[in-house]
Every structure is written in C-alpha cells, then in structure tokens.
Amino acid sequence: MATVGTLVFCTDCGNLLDRSPGVNKLVCELCGAETADNSQKTTTTTSRPSAFPSALRLRHSAVQTLGADELQTEAKINQKCPECGREEMWFYTLQLRSADEGATVFYRCECGHRFNTNN
C-alpha cells in the first residue's frame, strides 16, 4: 500500500484502492492484493486568496460603484413637448412586453408632462 495524501494505491499493480466505510482492510480489484488500511483518513488544508491569482479578482478592484444620485437613467432627445412646446425632452426605455416586440419609450418634459410610446 502506497499513500499520496488521502489516496491509497496498490503497491503490486499501482491501482487506486477504494475505501469502504467501517472496513480496515483494502482489497485491490485488479490484482487481488490485500493490505490493512492504516492511512490518514482526512486532510485539512488552508490557503490565502492571494495564493490563487485570477483575472477576475484583479478586475474586482477596478469596479466603480455609483450612488443613486450619480446614476443617470434618462437621456435628452430633441422632441417637441406636445403640452408646452419645449424642444427638448428626457426619455428612457423599458422592455415591458415580450422580447420579440419593441421596447416602451417613456418621455418626460421639464414642464411635468409625461407620455409613452410602444415601438
């Protein structure tokens, strides 16, 4: 019997031996060799995150976070407001219907008028 960590190999043929719970004797399925199982049953390891560098972990530090006040969800468009006649309006889109249909565009004017269109 040869052990590498918690793996046990047959010394006669090199086959990996299966452990049965509660049985202290190992039998090789290939050559039939028998041996007592006195190897270590568990291995505990510890490591630091820096021991395994990854591109994802390096990118994590480059991620910027924005607060709700910094996040702009609307864009300006040159469209005349039907209520007050102002030439610029704000808009945003949402996919409210099924994916094979167009998005719904929501418009907002500085005067407070709001409307939407389905594309």
N, C-alpha and C. Protein backbone atom coordinates (compact mmCIF):
# COMPACT_ATOMS: atom_id res chain seq x y z
N MET A 1 0.85 -1.17 0.00
CA MET A 1 0.00 0.00 0.00
C MET A 1 0.89 1.23 0.00
N ALA A 2 0.63 2.16 -0.92
CA ALA A 2 1.34 3.43 -1.00
C ALA A 2 0.30 4.54 -0.90
N THR A 3 0.60 5.58 -0.14
CA THR A 3 -0.35 6.67 0.03
C THR A 3 0.23 7.97 -0.49
N VAL A 4 -0.64 8.77 -1.08
CA VAL A 4 -0.32 10.13 -1.50
C VAL A 4 -1.47 10.98 -0.99
N GLY A 5 -1.23 11.73 0.06
CA GLY A 5 -2.31 12.48 0.70
C GLY A 5 -3.31 11.51 1.29
N THR A 6 -4.55 11.56 0.82
CA THR A 6 -5.58 10.62 1.29
C THR A 6 -5.85 9.52 0.28
N LEU A 7 -5.12 9.51 -0.85
CA LEU A 7 -5.28 8.47 -1.85
C LEU A 7 -4.40 7.28 -1.50
N VAL A 8 -4.94 6.08 -1.68
CA VAL A 8 -4.21 4.85 -1.36
C VAL A 8 -4.08 4.03 -2.65
N PHE A 9 -2.85 3.61 -2.96
CA PHE A 9 -2.58 2.85 -4.17
C PHE A 9 -2.06 1.46 -3.81
N CYS A 10 -2.34 0.50 -4.69
CA CYS A 10 -1.83 -0.87 -4.53
C CYS A 10 -0.34 -0.86 -4.86
N THR A 11 0.48 -1.47 -3.99
CA THR A 11 1.93 -1.49 -4.24
C THR A 11 2.29 -2.52 -5.30
N ASP A 12 1.42 -3.49 -5.57
CA ASP A 12 1.72 -4.51 -6.56
C ASP A 12 1.46 -4.02 -7.99
N CYS A 13 0.28 -3.39 -8.21
CA CYS A 13 -0.07 -3.01 -9.59
C CYS A 13 -0.26 -1.51 -9.79
N GLY A 14 -0.33 -0.71 -8.71
CA GLY A 14 -0.48 0.74 -8.83
C GLY A 14 -1.92 1.22 -8.95
N ASN A 15 -2.90 0.33 -8.82
CA ASN A 15 -4.30 0.68 -8.91
C ASN A 15 -4.73 1.53 -7.71
N LEU A 16 -5.62 2.49 -7.94
CA LEU A 16 -6.18 3.29 -6.85
C LEU A 16 -7.18 2.42 -6.09
N LEU A 17 -7.00 2.33 -4.77
CA LEU A 17 -7.84 1.46 -3.95
C LEU A 17 -9.03 2.23 -3.39
N ASP A 18 -10.20 1.59 -3.37
CA ASP A 18 -11.41 2.18 -2.80
C ASP A 18 -11.51 1.82 -1.34
N ARG A 19 -11.88 2.82 -0.55
CA ARG A 19 -12.09 2.58 0.88
C ARG A 19 -13.55 2.31 1.12
N SER A 20 -13.84 1.32 1.94
CA SER A 20 -15.21 1.04 2.35
C SER A 20 -15.37 1.52 3.78
N PRO A 21 -16.47 2.23 4.10
CA PRO A 21 -16.66 2.72 5.46
C PRO A 21 -16.75 1.56 6.45
N GLY A 22 -16.02 1.69 7.55
CA GLY A 22 -16.05 0.70 8.61
C GLY A 22 -15.18 -0.52 8.38
N VAL A 23 -14.52 -0.63 7.23
CA VAL A 23 -13.66 -1.78 6.92
C VAL A 23 -12.21 -1.31 6.93
N ASN A 24 -11.36 -2.00 7.71
CA ASN A 24 -9.96 -1.60 7.83
C ASN A 24 -9.04 -2.42 6.92
N LYS A 25 -9.61 -3.13 5.96
CA LYS A 25 -8.81 -3.92 5.03
C LYS A 25 -9.11 -3.45 3.61
N LEU A 26 -8.05 -3.19 2.83
CA LEU A 26 -8.20 -2.77 1.45
C LEU A 26 -7.88 -3.94 0.54
N VAL A 27 -8.71 -4.14 -0.48
CA VAL A 27 -8.50 -5.21 -1.45
C VAL A 27 -8.45 -4.59 -2.84
N CYS A 28 -7.38 -4.89 -3.57
CA CYS A 28 -7.22 -4.38 -4.93
C CYS A 28 -8.14 -5.16 -5.86
N GLU A 29 -8.94 -4.43 -6.66
CA GLU A 29 -9.88 -5.07 -7.58
C GLU A 29 -9.18 -5.66 -8.80
N LEU A 30 -7.95 -5.19 -9.11
CA LEU A 30 -7.25 -5.70 -10.29
C LEU A 30 -6.44 -6.95 -10.00
N CYS A 31 -5.57 -6.86 -8.96
CA CYS A 31 -4.67 -7.99 -8.71
C CYS A 31 -5.06 -8.82 -7.49
N GLY A 32 -6.02 -8.36 -6.67
CA GLY A 32 -6.48 -9.12 -5.52
C GLY A 32 -5.62 -8.98 -4.27
N ALA A 33 -4.60 -8.13 -4.29
CA ALA A 33 -3.73 -7.95 -3.12
C ALA A 33 -4.53 -7.34 -1.98
N GLU A 34 -4.25 -7.80 -0.75
CA GLU A 34 -4.92 -7.29 0.43
C GLU A 34 -3.92 -6.62 1.34
N THR A 35 -4.35 -5.55 2.00
CA THR A 35 -3.50 -4.85 2.95
C THR A 35 -4.37 -4.16 3.99
N ALA A 36 -3.80 -3.90 5.14
CA ALA A 36 -4.52 -3.19 6.21
C ALA A 36 -4.56 -1.70 5.87
N ASP A 37 -5.70 -1.09 6.14
CA ASP A 37 -5.86 0.35 5.88
C ASP A 37 -5.51 1.12 7.14
N ASN A 38 -4.26 1.60 7.21
CA ASN A 38 -3.84 2.41 8.36
C ASN A 38 -3.38 3.79 7.90
N SER A 39 -3.91 4.22 6.75
CA SER A 39 -3.54 5.53 6.21
C SER A 39 -4.40 6.62 6.84
N GLN A 40 -3.99 7.85 6.62
CA GLN A 40 -4.70 9.01 7.15
C GLN A 40 -6.03 9.13 6.42
N LYS A 41 -7.12 9.34 7.16
CA LYS A 41 -8.46 9.38 6.57
C LYS A 41 -8.86 10.76 6.06
N THR A 42 -8.38 11.82 6.69
CA THR A 42 -8.76 13.17 6.29
C THR A 42 -7.52 14.04 6.18
N THR A 43 -7.63 15.06 5.34
CA THR A 43 -6.57 16.05 5.19
C THR A 43 -7.21 17.42 5.27
N THR A 44 -6.67 18.29 6.08
CA THR A 44 -7.17 19.65 6.19
C THR A 44 -6.13 20.60 5.62
N THR A 45 -6.56 21.45 4.69
CA THR A 45 -5.65 22.42 4.09
C THR A 45 -6.22 23.82 4.23
N THR A 46 -5.35 24.79 4.25
CA THR A 46 -5.75 26.19 4.27
C THR A 46 -4.92 26.93 3.23
N SER A 47 -5.51 27.97 2.67
CA SER A 47 -4.80 28.78 1.70
C SER A 47 -5.30 30.21 1.77
N ARG A 48 -4.48 31.11 1.28
CA ARG A 48 -4.85 32.52 1.22
C ARG A 48 -5.41 32.82 -0.17
N PRO A 49 -6.30 33.79 -0.30
CA PRO A 49 -6.81 34.15 -1.63
C PRO A 49 -5.69 34.57 -2.58
N SER A 50 -4.63 35.15 -2.06
CA SER A 50 -3.53 35.58 -2.93
C SER A 50 -2.74 34.39 -3.48
N ALA A 51 -2.94 33.19 -2.94
CA ALA A 51 -2.23 32.01 -3.43
C ALA A 51 -2.75 31.59 -4.80
N PHE A 52 -3.96 32.00 -5.15
CA PHE A 52 -4.56 31.64 -6.43
C PHE A 52 -4.97 32.91 -7.17
N PRO A 53 -4.03 33.57 -7.83
CA PRO A 53 -4.38 34.82 -8.53
C PRO A 53 -5.31 34.53 -9.71
N SER A 54 -6.21 35.45 -9.96
CA SER A 54 -7.11 35.29 -11.10
C SER A 54 -7.39 36.65 -11.73
N ALA A 55 -7.69 36.61 -13.01
CA ALA A 55 -8.01 37.85 -13.72
C ALA A 55 -9.28 38.47 -13.17
N LEU A 56 -10.24 37.66 -12.77
CA LEU A 56 -11.49 38.18 -12.22
C LEU A 56 -11.24 38.92 -10.90
N ARG A 57 -10.40 38.36 -10.04
CA ARG A 57 -10.11 39.01 -8.77
C ARG A 57 -9.37 40.33 -9.00
N LEU A 58 -8.51 40.39 -10.01
CA LEU A 58 -7.80 41.62 -10.31
C LEU A 58 -8.76 42.68 -10.86
N ARG A 59 -9.74 42.28 -11.64
CA ARG A 59 -10.72 43.21 -12.19
C ARG A 59 -11.65 43.75 -11.12
N HIS A 60 -11.85 42.99 -10.06
CA HIS A 60 -12.76 43.40 -8.98
C HIS A 60 -12.36 44.74 -8.40
N SER A 61 -11.07 45.00 -8.27
CA SER A 61 -10.61 46.26 -7.68
C SER A 61 -10.84 47.43 -8.62
N ALA A 62 -11.01 47.18 -9.92
CA ALA A 62 -11.21 48.25 -10.88
C ALA A 62 -12.69 48.62 -11.03
N VAL A 63 -13.58 47.92 -10.37
CA VAL A 63 -15.00 48.17 -10.50
C VAL A 63 -15.36 49.44 -9.73
N GLN A 64 -16.09 50.31 -10.39
CA GLN A 64 -16.53 51.54 -9.74
C GLN A 64 -17.97 51.38 -9.27
N THR A 65 -18.27 51.97 -8.15
CA THR A 65 -19.65 51.94 -7.66
C THR A 65 -20.22 53.34 -7.73
N LEU A 66 -21.47 53.43 -8.14
CA LEU A 66 -22.16 54.71 -8.24
C LEU A 66 -23.30 54.75 -7.25
N GLY A 67 -23.48 55.91 -6.67
CA GLY A 67 -24.61 56.11 -5.78
C GLY A 67 -25.86 56.41 -6.59
N ALA A 68 -27.02 56.36 -5.97
CA ALA A 68 -28.28 56.61 -6.67
C ALA A 68 -28.32 58.03 -7.24
N ASP A 69 -27.70 58.98 -6.56
CA ASP A 69 -27.70 60.35 -7.04
C ASP A 69 -26.76 60.54 -8.24
N GLU A 70 -25.78 59.67 -8.42
CA GLU A 70 -24.84 59.77 -9.54
C GLU A 70 -25.32 59.02 -10.78
N LEU A 71 -26.31 58.18 -10.63
CA LEU A 71 -26.78 57.34 -11.71
C LEU A 71 -27.82 58.08 -12.53
N GLN A 72 -27.55 58.28 -13.83
CA GLN A 72 -28.49 58.95 -14.70
C GLN A 72 -29.14 57.90 -15.59
N THR A 73 -30.46 57.75 -15.48
CA THR A 73 -31.16 56.72 -16.23
C THR A 73 -31.90 57.30 -17.43
N GLU A 74 -31.94 58.60 -17.57
CA GLU A 74 -32.64 59.23 -18.68
C GLU A 74 -31.65 59.92 -19.60
N ALA A 75 -32.06 60.08 -20.86
CA ALA A 75 -31.25 60.79 -21.84
C ALA A 75 -32.10 61.89 -22.46
N LYS A 76 -31.43 62.93 -23.01
CA LYS A 76 -32.13 64.04 -23.66
C LYS A 76 -32.36 63.71 -25.12
N ILE A 77 -33.49 64.17 -25.63
CA ILE A 77 -33.82 63.98 -27.04
C ILE A 77 -34.43 65.27 -27.58
N ASN A 78 -34.17 65.54 -28.84
CA ASN A 78 -34.77 66.71 -29.49
C ASN A 78 -36.15 66.34 -30.00
N GLN A 79 -37.12 66.44 -29.12
CA GLN A 79 -38.51 66.17 -29.48
C GLN A 79 -39.36 67.24 -28.81
N LYS A 80 -40.32 67.74 -29.54
CA LYS A 80 -41.17 68.82 -29.05
C LYS A 80 -42.20 68.27 -28.08
N CYS A 81 -42.34 68.94 -26.95
CA CYS A 81 -43.33 68.56 -25.95
C CYS A 81 -44.72 68.94 -26.48
N PRO A 82 -45.66 68.00 -26.52
CA PRO A 82 -47.00 68.33 -27.02
C PRO A 82 -47.78 69.26 -26.08
N GLU A 83 -47.35 69.37 -24.84
CA GLU A 83 -48.07 70.19 -23.86
C GLU A 83 -47.60 71.64 -23.87
N CYS A 84 -46.26 71.87 -23.74
CA CYS A 84 -45.75 73.24 -23.60
C CYS A 84 -44.97 73.71 -24.82
N GLY A 85 -44.60 72.82 -25.73
CA GLY A 85 -43.88 73.22 -26.94
C GLY A 85 -42.37 73.27 -26.78
N ARG A 86 -41.84 72.96 -25.61
CA ARG A 86 -40.38 72.95 -25.40
C ARG A 86 -39.75 71.93 -26.37
N GLU A 87 -38.57 72.24 -26.91
CA GLU A 87 -37.94 71.43 -27.95
C GLU A 87 -37.19 70.21 -27.43
N GLU A 88 -36.81 70.18 -26.15
CA GLU A 88 -36.06 69.05 -25.60
C GLU A 88 -36.88 68.32 -24.54
N MET A 89 -36.77 66.99 -24.57
CA MET A 89 -37.44 66.16 -23.57
C MET A 89 -36.46 65.10 -23.08
N TRP A 90 -36.76 64.51 -21.95
CA TRP A 90 -35.97 63.39 -21.41
C TRP A 90 -36.70 62.10 -21.72
N PHE A 91 -35.95 60.99 -21.95
CA PHE A 91 -36.61 59.73 -22.22
C PHE A 91 -35.81 58.57 -21.64
N TYR A 92 -36.49 57.44 -21.43
CA TYR A 92 -35.85 56.16 -21.07
C TYR A 92 -36.72 55.05 -21.64
N THR A 93 -36.14 53.87 -21.78
CA THR A 93 -36.88 52.74 -22.36
C THR A 93 -36.94 51.59 -21.37
N LEU A 94 -38.02 50.82 -21.47
CA LEU A 94 -38.20 49.60 -20.68
C LEU A 94 -38.79 48.53 -21.58
N GLN A 95 -38.36 47.30 -21.39
CA GLN A 95 -38.92 46.17 -22.14
C GLN A 95 -40.07 45.60 -21.31
N LEU A 96 -41.28 46.09 -21.58
CA LEU A 96 -42.45 45.68 -20.80
C LEU A 96 -43.19 44.53 -21.44
N ARG A 97 -43.09 44.40 -22.76
CA ARG A 97 -43.79 43.34 -23.47
C ARG A 97 -42.82 42.21 -23.77
N SER A 98 -43.25 41.24 -24.53
CA SER A 98 -42.39 40.08 -24.81
C SER A 98 -41.14 40.51 -25.58
N ALA A 99 -40.12 39.66 -25.58
CA ALA A 99 -38.82 40.00 -26.13
C ALA A 99 -38.86 40.22 -27.64
N ASP A 100 -39.82 39.64 -28.35
CA ASP A 100 -39.86 39.81 -29.80
C ASP A 100 -40.62 41.08 -30.21
N GLU A 101 -41.06 41.87 -29.25
CA GLU A 101 -41.72 43.14 -29.52
C GLU A 101 -40.81 44.27 -29.05
N GLY A 102 -41.07 45.47 -29.57
CA GLY A 102 -40.23 46.62 -29.24
C GLY A 102 -40.38 47.06 -27.79
N ALA A 103 -39.44 47.91 -27.37
CA ALA A 103 -39.46 48.44 -26.01
C ALA A 103 -40.44 49.60 -25.91
N THR A 104 -40.89 49.90 -24.71
CA THR A 104 -41.75 51.05 -24.45
C THR A 104 -40.86 52.23 -24.11
N VAL A 105 -41.08 53.38 -24.78
CA VAL A 105 -40.28 54.58 -24.55
C VAL A 105 -41.11 55.55 -23.71
N PHE A 106 -40.56 55.97 -22.58
CA PHE A 106 -41.21 56.91 -21.68
C PHE A 106 -40.56 58.28 -21.84
N TYR A 107 -41.38 59.32 -22.07
CA TYR A 107 -40.90 60.68 -22.25
C TYR A 107 -41.32 61.53 -21.06
N ARG A 108 -40.45 62.51 -20.72
CA ARG A 108 -40.75 63.44 -19.63
C ARG A 108 -40.24 64.82 -20.02
N CYS A 109 -41.07 65.83 -19.82
CA CYS A 109 -40.69 67.21 -20.12
C CYS A 109 -40.43 67.95 -18.81
N GLU A 110 -39.68 69.04 -18.92
CA GLU A 110 -39.40 69.88 -17.74
C GLU A 110 -40.69 70.48 -17.16
N CYS A 111 -41.71 70.63 -17.98
CA CYS A 111 -42.97 71.19 -17.50
C CYS A 111 -43.76 70.18 -16.68
N GLY A 112 -43.33 68.91 -16.67
CA GLY A 112 -44.02 67.87 -15.89
C GLY A 112 -44.87 66.95 -16.74
N HIS A 113 -45.04 67.24 -18.01
CA HIS A 113 -45.85 66.40 -18.89
C HIS A 113 -45.11 65.08 -19.16
N ARG A 114 -45.86 64.00 -19.12
CA ARG A 114 -45.29 62.66 -19.36
C ARG A 114 -46.18 61.90 -20.33
N PHE A 115 -45.54 61.11 -21.21
CA PHE A 115 -46.28 60.20 -22.08
C PHE A 115 -45.33 59.08 -22.52
N ASN A 116 -45.91 58.05 -23.14
CA ASN A 116 -45.08 56.93 -23.61
C ASN A 116 -45.55 56.45 -24.97
N THR A 117 -44.65 55.76 -25.67
CA THR A 117 -44.97 55.17 -26.97
C THR A 117 -44.43 53.73 -26.97
N ASN A 118 -45.12 52.87 -27.73
CA ASN A 118 -44.66 51.49 -27.91
C ASN A 118 -44.01 51.38 -29.27
N ASN A 119 -42.76 50.98 -29.31
CA ASN A 119 -42.05 50.83 -30.59
C ASN A 119 -42.23 49.44 -31.13
